[in-house]
Protein backbone atom coordinates (compact mmCIF):
# COMPACT_ATOMS: atom_id res chain seq x y z
CA UNK A 1 11.88 10.07 -12.64
CA UNK A 2 10.42 13.50 -12.15
CA UNK A 3 12.37 16.68 -12.79
CA UNK A 4 11.86 20.26 -11.70
CA UNK A 5 13.33 23.34 -13.32
CA UNK A 6 15.80 23.78 -10.45
CA UNK A 7 17.22 20.27 -10.27
CA UNK A 8 17.23 19.81 -14.06
CA UNK A 9 19.78 22.65 -14.31
CA UNK A 10 22.03 21.13 -11.63
CA UNK A 11 22.07 17.56 -12.88
CA UNK A 12 21.47 15.70 -16.08
CA UNK A 13 19.91 12.87 -14.03
CA UNK A 14 16.84 14.21 -12.26
CA UNK A 15 15.84 12.66 -8.94
CA UNK A 16 12.20 12.09 -8.07
CA UNK A 17 10.97 14.01 -5.03
CA UNK A 18 10.97 12.24 -1.67
CA UNK A 19 7.46 10.72 -1.59
CA UNK A 20 7.53 10.23 2.19
CA UNK A 21 7.76 14.00 2.75
CA UNK A 22 5.17 15.09 0.18
CA UNK A 23 2.44 17.30 1.70
CA UNK A 24 -0.02 19.86 0.53
CA UNK A 25 -1.11 22.95 2.41
CA UNK A 26 -4.70 21.67 2.68
CA UNK A 27 -4.05 18.16 3.97
CA UNK A 28 -1.22 15.77 4.63
CA UNK A 29 -0.56 13.14 2.00
CA UNK A 30 -1.98 9.75 3.03
CA UNK A 31 -0.15 6.54 2.33
CA UNK A 32 -2.52 3.69 1.50
CA UNK A 33 -0.99 0.19 1.72
CA UNK A 34 -2.54 -2.79 -0.05
CA UNK A 35 -1.33 -6.36 -0.35
CA UNK A 36 -1.50 -7.75 -3.91
CA UNK A 37 -4.48 -5.72 -5.15
CA UNK A 38 -5.38 -2.49 -6.87
CA UNK A 39 -8.74 -1.50 -8.37
CA UNK A 40 -10.02 1.11 -10.81
CA UNK A 41 -11.55 3.15 -7.98
CA UNK A 42 -7.99 3.77 -6.74
CA UNK A 43 -6.98 5.44 -10.01
CA UNK A 44 -8.56 8.78 -10.90
CA UNK A 45 -8.52 10.19 -14.40
CA UNK A 46 -5.30 11.97 -15.20
CA UNK A 47 -1.64 11.08 -15.49
CA UNK A 48 -0.53 8.49 -12.96
CA UNK A 49 2.99 7.44 -12.07
CA UNK A 50 3.82 3.86 -11.14
CA UNK A 51 7.27 2.98 -9.96
CA UNK A 52 8.84 0.16 -8.04
CA UNK A 53 10.58 1.25 -4.87
CA UNK A 54 13.08 -0.58 -2.70
CA UNK A 55 12.21 -2.24 0.59
CA UNK A 56 14.21 0.48 2.35
CA UNK A 57 12.19 3.23 0.66
CA UNK A 58 8.95 1.40 1.47
CA UNK A 59 9.97 1.03 5.12
CA UNK A 60 10.86 4.72 5.36
CA UNK A 61 7.55 5.78 3.76
CA UNK A 62 5.53 3.50 6.06
CA UNK A 63 7.44 4.57 9.20
CA UNK A 64 7.01 8.27 8.43
CA UNK A 65 3.33 7.88 7.52
CA UNK A 66 2.71 5.94 10.76
CA UNK A 67 4.55 8.54 12.86
CA UNK A 68 2.50 11.35 11.25
CA UNK A 69 -0.76 9.38 11.53
CA UNK A 70 -1.14 9.23 7.72
CA UNK A 71 -0.91 5.45 7.23
CA UNK A 72 -4.00 3.49 6.17
CA UNK A 73 -3.91 -0.18 5.26
CA UNK A 74 -6.62 -1.20 2.82
CA UNK A 75 -7.79 -4.59 1.59
CA UNK A 76 -9.95 -6.06 -1.14
CA UNK A 77 -11.07 -8.95 1.09
CA UNK A 78 -13.15 -8.85 4.26
CA UNK A 79 -10.43 -10.31 6.44
CA UNK A 80 -12.80 -10.44 9.41
CA UNK A 81 -15.30 -12.75 7.69
CA UNK A 82 -15.12 -16.41 8.73
CA UNK A 83 -15.32 -17.50 5.08
CA UNK A 84 -12.12 -15.51 4.31
CA UNK A 85 -9.84 -17.56 6.58
CA UNK A 86 -7.35 -18.34 3.77
CA UNK A 87 -7.12 -14.66 2.78
CA UNK A 88 -6.50 -13.69 6.43
CA UNK A 89 -3.83 -16.39 6.74
CA UNK A 90 -2.07 -15.13 3.59
CA UNK A 91 -2.32 -11.53 4.82
CA UNK A 92 -0.82 -12.48 8.19
CA UNK A 93 1.96 -14.43 6.45
CA UNK A 94 2.94 -11.45 4.28
CA UNK A 95 2.97 -9.15 7.31
CA UNK A 96 5.28 -11.63 9.10
CA UNK A 97 7.66 -11.80 6.10
CA UNK A 98 7.73 -7.99 5.86
CA UNK A 99 8.63 -7.73 9.56
CA UNK A 100 11.19 -10.54 9.63
CA UNK A 101 12.96 -9.99 6.32
CA UNK A 102 12.56 -6.25 5.74
CA UNK A 103 11.95 -4.69 9.17
CA UNK A 104 8.61 -3.33 7.93
CA UNK A 105 6.07 -3.57 10.71
CA UNK A 106 2.42 -3.53 9.68
CA UNK A 107 -0.21 -4.61 12.18
CA UNK A 108 -3.60 -6.09 11.41
CA UNK A 109 -5.12 -3.02 13.10
CA UNK A 110 -3.50 -0.85 10.37
CA UNK A 111 -6.00 -2.45 7.99
CA UNK A 112 -9.05 -1.96 10.22
CA UNK A 113 -11.04 0.93 11.67
CA UNK A 114 -12.95 0.99 14.91
CA UNK A 115 -16.14 2.91 15.60
CA UNK A 116 -19.14 2.94 17.89
CA UNK A 117 -22.60 1.87 16.81
CA UNK A 118 -25.44 2.44 19.27
CA UNK A 119 -23.00 2.20 22.19
CA UNK A 120 -21.26 -0.95 20.90
CA UNK A 121 -17.61 -0.91 19.90
CA UNK A 122 -17.20 -2.27 16.37
CA UNK A 123 -14.46 -2.56 13.81
CA UNK A 124 -14.25 -3.32 10.13
CA UNK A 125 -11.61 -3.63 7.45
CA UNK A 126 -10.67 -0.55 5.42
CA UNK A 127 -11.99 -1.36 1.92
CA UNK A 128 -9.56 -0.98 -0.96
CA UNK A 129 -12.21 0.42 -3.30
CA UNK A 130 -12.88 3.39 -0.98
CA UNK A 131 -9.49 5.08 -1.44
CA UNK A 132 -8.17 7.05 -4.39
CA UNK A 133 -4.77 8.31 -5.43
CA UNK A 134 -5.86 11.96 -5.54
CA UNK A 135 -3.90 15.06 -4.60
CA UNK A 136 -0.73 13.90 -2.87
CA UNK A 137 -2.17 10.59 -1.62
CA UNK A 138 -0.17 7.53 -2.67
CA UNK A 139 -0.94 3.84 -2.90
CA UNK A 140 1.75 1.31 -2.06
CA UNK A 141 0.93 -2.18 -3.35
CA UNK A 142 3.02 -5.01 -1.91
CA UNK A 143 3.24 -8.14 -4.07
CA UNK A 144 4.95 -11.50 -3.69
CA UNK A 145 5.23 -15.00 -5.10
CA UNK A 146 4.92 -18.35 -3.37
CA UNK A 147 7.12 -21.44 -3.30
CA UNK A 148 6.17 -25.00 -2.51
CA UNK A 149 6.78 -26.01 1.11
CA UNK A 150 8.73 -29.13 1.91
CA UNK A 151 6.41 -32.12 2.20
CA UNK A 152 5.69 -33.42 5.67
CA UNK A 153 3.34 -36.11 6.89
CA UNK A 154 1.10 -33.48 8.49
CA UNK A 155 1.07 -31.16 5.50
CA UNK A 156 1.61 -32.98 2.22
CA UNK A 157 1.36 -29.77 0.18
CA UNK A 158 1.57 -26.14 1.07
CA UNK A 159 2.96 -22.86 -0.05
CA UNK A 160 5.05 -20.19 1.60
CA UNK A 161 6.01 -16.69 0.57
CA UNK A 162 9.37 -16.35 -1.17
CA UNK A 163 10.93 -13.31 0.56
CA UNK A 164 13.11 -12.60 -2.47
CA UNK A 165 9.98 -12.12 -4.58
CA UNK A 166 8.47 -9.31 -2.48
CA UNK A 167 8.08 -6.08 -4.46
CA UNK A 168 6.78 -2.63 -3.61
CA UNK A 169 4.81 -0.71 -6.25
CA UNK A 170 3.94 2.92 -5.61
CA UNK A 171 1.19 4.75 -7.48
CA UNK A 172 0.70 8.51 -7.36
CA UNK A 173 -1.12 11.14 -9.36
CA UNK A 174 1.15 13.29 -11.50
CA UNK A 175 -1.43 15.43 -13.29
CA UNK A 176 -5.17 15.43 -12.55
CA UNK A 177 -7.56 15.25 -15.50
CA UNK A 178 -8.90 18.57 -16.63
CA UNK A 179 -12.66 19.05 -16.55
CA UNK A 180 -13.74 16.84 -19.42
CA UNK A 181 -17.32 16.95 -20.58
CA UNK A 182 -18.90 13.55 -20.96
CA UNK A 183 -21.44 13.17 -23.64
């Protein structure tokens, strides 16, 4: 938990600041959402804070970021590629569980960007390795576990997401690294 001079005097238990309302004067804080993955490019040098947040906190952060146009879903996998069908299926399944069990609505389009190329409309996934937890930007990583489906004649084996295993991990920069000289 983070403490400031003001709230440390008022309480012996310091509360961390509301991450959904964090903004800087220069730019609004972006909320990046990833399913399962994080990469080194997401983590700048400096002091980082990782904490698990509740589903209610995650929903509030996502809803506020969406309303303020600061939400960006990112993914490690090219979910549009035909050879990534299983990854797309898993991604869709987690989005359905989030909506049904937690009221957290994330659309596939939250993880894609559209653009024009020589007059053609195109879209692509937002790559995970292109975002960084700098300034007030935060990364919310959603994880889960799977359970074995009941056997049927059509599907002898299969897995489904265990809703009770879904967790929300938030990463944010506490202190940026000072100008180190590399040598």
